[in-house]
Amino acid sequence: MAGPIEIKPGVTWLGARHPELRIFDELFPTRHGSSYNSYLVRGTSKTALIDTVKAPYTEAFIENLSSLVPLEQIDLVVVNHTEPDHSGALGRLLELNPEIEVYCTRPGENFLKQLFEQPMKTHPVAEGEEIDLGGRTLRFILAPSLHWPDTMFTYLVEDAILFSCDAFGSHYCSDKLYNDEAGDFTAEFEQYFDTIMRPFKEKIREAVAKVEGLPIELVCPSHGPVLRSHPKAAIARYKELAAAPPASAAKRALVLTLSPHGNTRQMARSVAAGLQAQGVEVAEYSLIDADTQVLRSELERCDALVVGTPTINRDAPPPVWNALSLLSSVTPKGKLGAVFGSFGWSGEAVNLVEERLKGLKYSLPVPGLTYRFKPTDHDIQECRDFGEQVGKALTQA
């Protein structure tokens, strides 16, 4: 655990570094580890702690905190986000000083009651609410769904510091604190956005609008380096990455196919022709070589997702499920879905993929279409009709 580092007079970083971490939350690869950032802010009348660290680092964290200020002199803890990698040491801190007030959002208050059995003095904040620490003012900026419903930012007005919680962060652990000293972590910054923030683009646009006009000298996220050099560049990049898809007068369908013997792809060509006959733009990709980033962008942009899948060993093959897993990083709200495919011994894949799309709240206007082995000329015409039905449902929606 690293020692505290003063980032401005009276403002100190006292997080934990985890350089050996290779998979965050057992979900996301982290080539260069991560950090759990906490910050102490001292005014002339009150002392505030912004977030804590993950539970395994609690005792070292408490020791570092005690070296800066007696625990009984900490007046409040700001919980920007209740996820355990931010709040892991909170319970122990409150055992040592139960008089600390906990400032959080209303959803955060609810989550804390479920995460901790011990009583705590919670203070749910409103948008723009401020607290005077004595010569220093903390302003609370609600940022729900970045990436939990409880998230908020905290802005230190006099020092122009934005404590941004998970936003603008990265899973990147360096022995240097600041972005201009830590080396190039652009890839980690972008990956963090893709894996954590991307599903919430509309909420990101709302949050960015709240802070992009503020004077900002430092962005202090919960993970990764403190952004000292060009801090607003990170905010501008989020604005760019979260931009709404380009508007189009025509509806757009994404057709994804996997076709070991060419039969499902033959069906796909006819399905696409039917969609186009209804004035629908079609983007078609083979799942054997499709780029993940391209697929994510297309999944966000399309109005309908049409999947062509074979059945292999009574299931849809892994490339199909891998593509559908990307739907967790986009928002499928209000979109249509359809599934077709060919099979040999059995034909379970189409139904399985349909159920997956239904579970993700896609509306399926037509039943799945499937044929055994090679489709006939009559089958190919039915595929075109299938595409036209999806196209009609899309254009009339």
Protein backbone atom coordinates (compact mmCIF):
# COMPACT_ATOMS: atom_id res chain seq x y z
CA MET A 1 0.00 0.00 0.00
CA ALA A 2 1.46 3.34 -1.06
CA GLY A 3 1.85 6.22 1.34
CA PRO A 4 -0.30 9.38 1.16
CA ILE A 5 0.52 12.00 -1.47
CA GLU A 6 -0.52 15.64 -1.16
CA ILE A 7 -2.01 16.80 -4.46
CA LYS A 8 -2.79 20.33 -3.22
CA PRO A 9 -2.30 21.93 0.18
CA GLY A 10 -4.92 20.29 2.37
CA VAL A 11 -5.94 17.73 -0.28
CA THR A 12 -4.29 14.31 -0.10
CA TRP A 13 -4.50 11.08 -2.10
CA LEU A 14 -4.39 7.99 0.11
CA GLY A 15 -5.50 5.14 -2.08
CA ALA A 16 -4.25 1.61 -2.59
CA ARG A 17 -2.29 0.26 -5.55
CA HIS A 18 -2.93 -3.23 -6.93
CA PRO A 19 -0.34 -3.69 -9.70
CA GLU A 20 -0.61 -7.49 -9.87
CA LEU A 21 -4.38 -7.47 -10.59
CA ARG A 22 -5.10 -9.10 -13.95
CA ILE A 23 -8.90 -9.45 -13.94
CA PHE A 24 -11.01 -6.77 -12.25
CA ASP A 25 -14.16 -8.12 -10.54
CA GLU A 26 -13.37 -11.45 -12.24
CA LEU A 27 -14.77 -9.87 -15.41
CA PHE A 28 -12.47 -7.32 -17.03
CA PRO A 29 -8.84 -7.89 -18.07
CA THR A 30 -6.39 -5.43 -16.51
CA ARG A 31 -2.97 -5.68 -18.12
CA HIS A 32 -1.42 -3.17 -15.75
CA GLY A 33 -3.41 -3.66 -12.56
CA SER A 34 -5.52 -0.94 -10.99
CA SER A 35 -5.75 1.40 -8.02
CA TYR A 36 -8.44 2.27 -5.49
CA ASN A 37 -8.31 6.00 -4.98
CA SER A 38 -9.43 7.83 -1.85
CA TYR A 39 -8.94 11.50 -1.07
CA LEU A 40 -8.80 13.52 2.15
CA VAL A 41 -9.94 17.17 2.06
CA ARG A 42 -9.28 19.43 5.05
CA GLY A 43 -10.93 22.78 5.63
CA THR A 44 -10.52 25.07 8.62
CA SER A 45 -13.63 23.73 10.35
CA LYS A 46 -14.32 20.28 8.88
CA THR A 47 -12.44 17.33 7.41
CA ALA A 48 -13.94 15.18 4.66
CA LEU A 49 -12.88 11.83 3.25
CA ILE A 50 -13.95 11.09 -0.31
CA ASP A 51 -14.47 7.34 -0.76
CA THR A 52 -12.39 4.60 0.84
CA VAL A 53 -10.64 1.53 -0.62
CA LYS A 54 -11.33 -2.14 -1.28
CA ALA A 55 -11.70 -4.23 1.89
CA PRO A 56 -8.35 -6.14 1.74
CA TYR A 57 -6.52 -2.82 2.06
CA THR A 58 -8.54 -1.59 5.06
CA GLU A 59 -5.96 -1.78 7.82
CA ALA A 60 -3.18 -0.14 5.81
CA PHE A 61 -5.68 2.51 4.69
CA ILE A 62 -6.72 3.26 8.27
CA GLU A 63 -3.06 3.49 9.27
CA ASN A 64 -2.31 5.97 6.48
CA LEU A 65 -5.43 7.97 7.29
CA SER A 66 -4.51 8.11 10.99
CA SER A 67 -1.07 9.43 10.07
CA LEU A 68 -2.74 12.44 8.44
CA VAL A 69 -5.51 13.23 10.90
CA PRO A 70 -6.89 11.70 14.12
CA LEU A 71 -9.90 9.58 13.16
CA GLU A 72 -12.10 11.40 15.67
CA GLN A 73 -11.49 14.60 13.69
CA ILE A 74 -13.00 13.24 10.47
CA ASP A 75 -16.42 14.83 10.16
CA LEU A 76 -17.80 13.22 7.02
CA VAL A 77 -17.21 10.60 4.39
CA VAL A 78 -18.47 11.22 0.86
CA VAL A 79 -19.52 7.99 -0.81
CA ASN A 80 -19.60 8.83 -4.49
CA HIS A 81 -20.47 5.20 -5.26
CA THR A 82 -21.22 2.31 -2.91
CA GLU A 83 -19.62 -0.54 -4.89
CA PRO A 84 -17.28 -2.50 -2.55
CA ASP A 85 -14.07 -1.43 -4.31
CA HIS A 86 -14.92 2.12 -3.15
CA SER A 87 -16.64 1.47 0.18
CA GLY A 88 -14.76 -1.58 1.43
CA ALA A 89 -13.09 0.20 4.36
CA LEU A 90 -16.14 2.25 5.36
CA GLY A 91 -17.46 -0.23 7.92
CA ARG A 92 -14.18 -0.38 9.82
CA LEU A 93 -13.85 3.42 9.74
CA LEU A 94 -17.33 3.82 11.23
CA GLU A 95 -16.50 1.27 13.94
CA LEU A 96 -13.61 3.52 14.95
CA ASN A 97 -15.62 6.75 14.64
CA PRO A 98 -19.39 6.15 14.56
CA GLU A 99 -20.04 9.91 14.61
CA ILE A 100 -18.88 10.36 11.02
CA GLU A 101 -21.66 11.55 8.71
CA VAL A 102 -21.95 9.70 5.40
CA TYR A 103 -22.87 11.87 2.42
CA CYS A 104 -24.30 9.95 -0.54
CA THR A 105 -27.17 9.93 -3.01
CA ARG A 106 -30.62 8.62 -2.09
CA PRO A 107 -30.01 5.31 -3.96
CA GLY A 108 -26.61 5.19 -2.30
CA GLU A 109 -28.23 5.42 1.13
CA ASN A 110 -30.44 2.46 0.27
CA PHE A 111 -27.48 0.42 -0.99
CA LEU A 112 -25.39 1.20 2.11
CA LYS A 113 -28.15 -0.14 4.35
CA GLN A 114 -27.97 -3.41 2.43
CA LEU A 115 -24.18 -3.57 2.34
CA PHE A 116 -23.57 -2.74 6.02
CA GLU A 117 -25.46 -4.01 9.03
CA GLN A 118 -24.09 -1.36 11.37
CA PRO A 119 -25.98 1.91 11.87
CA MET A 120 -24.60 5.00 10.20
CA LYS A 121 -25.51 8.66 10.02
CA THR A 122 -26.40 9.08 6.37
CA HIS A 123 -27.07 12.37 4.63
CA PRO A 124 -28.62 11.91 1.15
CA VAL A 125 -27.71 14.89 -1.00
CA ALA A 126 -29.60 16.84 -3.66
CA GLU A 127 -28.29 18.06 -7.01
CA GLY A 128 -25.96 21.01 -6.48
CA GLU A 129 -26.05 20.77 -2.68
CA GLU A 130 -22.93 22.16 -1.00
CA ILE A 131 -21.17 21.75 2.32
CA ASP A 132 -18.73 24.27 3.76
CA LEU A 133 -15.60 22.73 5.25
CA GLY A 134 -14.23 26.12 6.24
CA GLY A 135 -12.61 27.89 3.31
CA ARG A 136 -13.38 24.89 1.10
CA THR A 137 -16.71 23.96 -0.44
CA LEU A 138 -17.80 20.53 -1.62
CA ARG A 139 -20.53 20.57 -4.25
CA PHE A 140 -22.40 17.39 -5.11
CA ILE A 141 -23.28 16.63 -8.73
CA LEU A 142 -25.60 13.70 -9.33
CA ALA A 143 -24.41 11.33 -12.07
CA PRO A 144 -26.78 8.35 -11.93
CA SER A 145 -25.88 5.23 -13.90
CA LEU A 146 -22.21 6.06 -14.29
CA HIS A 147 -22.24 3.13 -13.82
CA TRP A 148 -24.57 2.40 -10.87
CA PRO A 149 -27.80 4.28 -9.98
CA ASP A 150 -26.12 5.70 -6.87
CA THR A 151 -23.20 7.49 -8.54
CA MET A 152 -22.36 11.15 -8.02
CA PHE A 153 -19.41 13.49 -8.55
CA THR A 154 -17.98 15.76 -5.88
CA TYR A 155 -16.53 19.13 -6.91
CA LEU A 156 -14.12 21.04 -4.68
CA VAL A 157 -15.03 24.57 -5.70
CA GLU A 158 -12.07 26.66 -4.49
CA ASP A 159 -9.45 24.22 -5.78
CA ALA A 160 -11.26 23.34 -9.03
CA ILE A 161 -10.94 19.60 -8.37
CA LEU A 162 -13.48 17.13 -9.72
CA PHE A 163 -13.69 13.86 -7.80
CA SER A 164 -15.34 11.92 -10.57
CA CYS A 165 -15.84 8.45 -9.11
CA ASP A 166 -15.56 5.80 -11.86
CA ALA A 167 -15.96 8.28 -14.71
CA PHE A 168 -12.76 9.31 -16.51
CA GLY A 169 -10.88 6.53 -14.75
CA SER A 170 -8.87 3.56 -15.94
CA HIS A 171 -7.60 0.25 -14.67
CA TYR A 172 -3.96 1.23 -14.80
CA CYS A 173 -1.57 1.05 -11.89
CA SER A 174 1.62 3.09 -11.98
CA ASP A 175 4.08 3.97 -9.25
CA LYS A 176 3.44 7.57 -10.32
CA LEU A 177 0.23 9.35 -9.33
CA TYR A 178 -0.30 11.79 -12.21
CA ASN A 179 -1.21 11.14 -15.83
CA ASP A 180 1.73 13.20 -17.13
CA GLU A 181 4.15 10.94 -15.22
CA ALA A 182 2.48 7.53 -15.51
CA GLY A 183 3.18 6.74 -19.17
CA ASP A 184 0.70 6.17 -21.96
CA PHE A 185 -2.49 4.51 -20.68
CA THR A 186 -4.78 5.57 -23.53
CA ALA A 187 -5.68 1.96 -24.30
CA GLU A 188 -6.68 1.34 -20.68
CA PHE A 189 -8.74 4.56 -20.59
CA GLU A 190 -10.62 3.53 -23.73
CA GLN A 191 -11.06 -0.06 -22.58
CA TYR A 192 -12.47 1.17 -19.28
CA PHE A 193 -15.05 3.22 -21.14
CA ASP A 194 -15.98 0.29 -23.39
CA THR A 195 -16.38 -2.27 -20.63
CA ILE A 196 -17.81 -0.13 -17.81
CA MET A 197 -19.40 3.04 -19.18
CA ARG A 198 -20.52 2.34 -22.72
CA PRO A 199 -24.02 1.02 -21.89
CA PHE A 200 -24.88 4.37 -20.30
CA LYS A 201 -24.12 6.81 -23.10
CA GLU A 202 -27.24 8.91 -22.59
CA LYS A 203 -26.43 9.31 -18.90
CA ILE A 204 -22.82 10.13 -19.77
CA ARG A 205 -23.97 12.94 -22.03
CA GLU A 206 -26.08 14.34 -19.18
CA ALA A 207 -23.21 14.14 -16.69
CA VAL A 208 -20.67 15.68 -19.07
CA ALA A 209 -23.03 18.60 -19.67
CA LYS A 210 -23.00 19.29 -15.92
CA VAL A 211 -19.21 19.49 -15.58
CA GLU A 212 -17.68 20.51 -18.91
CA GLY A 213 -18.19 24.22 -18.17
CA LEU A 214 -16.64 24.09 -14.70
CA PRO A 215 -13.12 25.34 -14.00
CA ILE A 216 -11.17 22.10 -13.52
CA GLU A 217 -7.50 21.83 -12.59
CA LEU A 218 -7.55 18.17 -11.54
CA VAL A 219 -9.81 15.23 -12.31
CA CYS A 220 -9.48 12.68 -9.51
CA PRO A 221 -11.13 9.40 -10.51
CA SER A 222 -11.61 6.31 -8.38
CA HIS A 223 -9.26 4.18 -10.49
CA GLY A 224 -6.05 5.01 -12.29
CA PRO A 225 -3.89 8.14 -12.40
CA VAL A 226 -5.01 11.58 -11.29
CA LEU A 227 -5.53 13.72 -14.39
CA ARG A 228 -3.35 16.77 -13.93
CA SER A 229 -2.23 17.44 -17.49
CA HIS A 230 -5.12 18.55 -19.72
CA PRO A 231 -7.78 17.19 -17.35
CA LYS A 232 -10.63 18.37 -19.54
CA ALA A 233 -9.36 16.24 -22.41
CA ALA A 234 -10.78 13.20 -20.62
CA ILE A 235 -14.17 14.89 -20.32
CA ALA A 236 -14.07 15.87 -23.99
CA ARG A 237 -13.18 12.28 -24.93
CA TYR A 238 -16.14 10.92 -22.98
CA LYS A 239 -18.37 13.40 -24.79
CA GLU A 240 -17.02 12.14 -28.10
CA LEU A 241 -17.30 8.46 -27.19
CA ALA A 242 -20.83 8.89 -25.82
CA ALA A 243 -22.16 10.88 -28.77
CA ALA A 244 -25.54 9.75 -30.05
CA PRO A 245 -25.48 7.58 -33.19
CA PRO A 246 -25.81 9.54 -36.43
CA ALA A 247 -29.41 10.32 -37.28
CA SER A 248 -30.83 8.67 -40.37
CA ALA A 249 -34.19 8.99 -42.08
CA ALA A 250 -34.11 5.27 -42.89
CA LYS A 251 -34.38 2.46 -40.37
CA ARG A 252 -31.30 0.26 -40.08
CA ALA A 253 -30.96 -3.48 -39.56
CA LEU A 254 -27.84 -5.32 -38.51
CA VAL A 255 -27.66 -8.84 -39.96
CA LEU A 256 -25.12 -11.12 -38.26
CA THR A 257 -24.42 -14.54 -39.74
CA LEU A 258 -22.36 -17.63 -39.05
CA SER A 259 -22.50 -20.20 -41.81
CA PRO A 260 -20.11 -23.20 -41.78
CA HIS A 261 -21.48 -24.62 -45.04
CA GLY A 262 -22.85 -21.46 -46.66
CA ASN A 263 -26.52 -22.31 -46.19
CA THR A 264 -27.33 -19.79 -43.48
CA ARG A 265 -25.46 -17.11 -45.43
CA GLN A 266 -27.53 -17.93 -48.53
CA MET A 267 -30.63 -17.37 -46.39
CA ALA A 268 -29.14 -14.12 -45.09
CA ARG A 269 -28.79 -12.66 -48.57
CA SER A 270 -32.49 -13.19 -49.19
CA VAL A 271 -33.48 -11.89 -45.75
CA ALA A 272 -31.41 -8.75 -46.41
CA ALA A 273 -33.09 -8.29 -49.80
CA GLY A 274 -36.48 -8.43 -48.10
CA LEU A 275 -35.42 -5.81 -45.56
CA GLN A 276 -34.10 -3.54 -48.31
CA ALA A 277 -37.34 -3.92 -50.26
CA GLN A 278 -39.04 -2.17 -47.31
CA GLY A 279 -36.58 0.73 -47.41
CA VAL A 280 -34.44 -0.54 -44.53
CA GLU A 281 -30.68 0.05 -44.53
CA VAL A 282 -28.83 -3.22 -44.02
CA ALA A 283 -25.39 -3.76 -42.50
CA GLU A 284 -24.33 -7.41 -42.77
CA TYR A 285 -21.36 -8.99 -41.00
CA SER A 286 -19.95 -12.49 -40.83
CA LEU A 287 -19.30 -13.48 -37.22
CA ILE A 288 -16.16 -15.35 -38.15
CA ASP A 289 -14.12 -12.18 -38.69
CA ALA A 290 -16.18 -9.24 -37.42
CA ASP A 291 -14.32 -6.61 -35.39
CA THR A 292 -15.67 -6.28 -31.84
CA GLN A 293 -15.56 -2.49 -31.82
CA VAL A 294 -17.38 -2.33 -35.16
CA LEU A 295 -20.04 -4.71 -33.88
CA ARG A 296 -20.57 -2.64 -30.72
CA SER A 297 -21.05 0.50 -32.80
CA GLU A 298 -23.45 -1.28 -35.16
CA LEU A 299 -25.42 -2.77 -32.27
CA GLU A 300 -25.89 0.72 -30.87
CA ARG A 301 -26.79 2.22 -34.21
CA CYS A 302 -29.19 -0.41 -35.59
CA ASP A 303 -32.95 -0.42 -35.08
CA ALA A 304 -33.22 -4.18 -35.60
CA LEU A 305 -30.85 -7.07 -34.90
CA VAL A 306 -31.28 -10.05 -37.23
CA VAL A 307 -29.21 -13.13 -36.39
CA GLY A 308 -28.52 -16.02 -38.75
CA THR A 309 -27.19 -19.04 -36.87
CA PRO A 310 -26.56 -22.72 -37.56
CA THR A 311 -27.09 -25.37 -34.90
CA ILE A 312 -23.95 -27.19 -33.76
CA ASN A 313 -24.23 -29.86 -31.06
CA ARG A 314 -27.77 -28.72 -30.17
CA ASP A 315 -26.71 -25.11 -29.60
CA ALA A 316 -25.76 -21.89 -31.31
CA PRO A 317 -21.97 -21.89 -31.84
CA PRO A 318 -19.65 -19.79 -29.61
CA PRO A 319 -19.15 -16.94 -32.15
CA VAL A 320 -22.91 -16.29 -32.03
CA TRP A 321 -23.00 -16.18 -28.23
CA ASN A 322 -19.84 -14.08 -28.16
CA ALA A 323 -21.51 -11.51 -30.40
CA LEU A 324 -24.65 -11.50 -28.27
CA SER A 325 -22.52 -10.97 -25.15
CA LEU A 326 -21.67 -7.54 -26.55
CA LEU A 327 -25.28 -6.55 -25.94
CA SER A 328 -24.38 -6.11 -22.27
CA SER A 329 -22.31 -3.09 -23.29
CA VAL A 330 -25.04 -1.39 -25.35
CA THR A 331 -28.65 -0.39 -24.76
CA PRO A 332 -31.14 -2.49 -26.78
CA LYS A 333 -34.18 -0.57 -25.51
CA GLY A 334 -37.00 -0.34 -28.05
CA LYS A 335 -35.32 -2.43 -30.76
CA LEU A 336 -36.60 -5.31 -32.86
CA GLY A 337 -35.00 -8.71 -33.22
CA ALA A 338 -35.34 -11.71 -35.55
CA VAL A 339 -33.55 -15.05 -35.91
CA PHE A 340 -33.14 -17.53 -38.75
CA GLY A 341 -30.80 -20.37 -39.68
CA SER A 342 -30.19 -23.81 -41.10
CA PHE A 343 -29.38 -27.05 -39.31
CA GLY A 344 -28.48 -30.66 -39.91
CA TRP A 345 -29.31 -33.09 -37.09
CA SER A 346 -31.37 -30.75 -34.90
CA GLY A 347 -32.41 -27.09 -34.92
CA GLU A 348 -32.34 -25.72 -31.37
CA ALA A 349 -30.15 -22.67 -32.03
CA VAL A 350 -32.81 -20.38 -33.48
CA ASN A 351 -35.13 -20.84 -30.49
CA LEU A 352 -32.28 -20.40 -28.04
CA VAL A 353 -31.16 -17.13 -29.62
CA GLU A 354 -34.76 -15.91 -29.76
CA GLU A 355 -35.11 -16.49 -26.03
CA ARG A 356 -31.90 -14.60 -25.40
CA LEU A 357 -33.14 -11.60 -27.40
CA LYS A 358 -36.48 -11.66 -25.58
CA GLY A 359 -34.63 -11.69 -22.28
CA LEU A 360 -32.78 -8.56 -23.39
CA LYS A 361 -36.13 -6.85 -24.14
CA TYR A 362 -35.96 -7.07 -27.92
CA SER A 363 -39.35 -7.26 -29.57
CA LEU A 364 -39.59 -10.15 -32.05
CA PRO A 365 -42.27 -9.34 -34.64
CA VAL A 366 -42.02 -12.65 -36.55
CA PRO A 367 -41.27 -16.23 -35.46
CA GLY A 368 -37.82 -17.62 -36.17
CA LEU A 369 -37.24 -19.26 -39.55
CA THR A 370 -35.20 -22.44 -39.91
CA TYR A 371 -34.53 -25.08 -42.59
CA ARG A 372 -32.74 -28.40 -42.61
CA PHE A 373 -29.58 -28.59 -44.68
CA LYS A 374 -29.67 -26.58 -47.91
CA PRO A 375 -32.67 -24.27 -48.42
CA THR A 376 -34.69 -24.80 -51.62
CA ASP A 377 -35.71 -22.06 -54.04
CA HIS A 378 -39.06 -21.97 -52.25
CA ASP A 379 -37.29 -21.62 -48.91
CA ILE A 380 -35.21 -18.75 -50.23
CA GLN A 381 -38.38 -16.92 -51.25
CA GLU A 382 -39.73 -17.48 -47.74
CA CYS A 383 -36.52 -15.92 -46.42
CA ARG A 384 -37.20 -12.83 -48.48
CA ASP A 385 -40.76 -12.73 -47.13
CA PHE A 386 -39.31 -13.08 -43.63
CA GLY A 387 -37.07 -10.07 -44.23
CA GLU A 388 -39.98 -8.06 -45.63
CA GLN A 389 -42.10 -8.81 -42.55
CA VAL A 390 -39.32 -7.64 -40.25
CA GLY A 391 -38.86 -4.56 -42.48
CA LYS A 392 -42.57 -3.70 -42.31
CA ALA A 393 -42.63 -4.05 -38.55
CA LEU A 394 -39.58 -1.81 -38.36
CA THR A 395 -40.79 0.94 -40.65
CA GLN A 396 -44.25 0.98 -39.09
CA ALA A 397 -42.95 1.04 -35.51
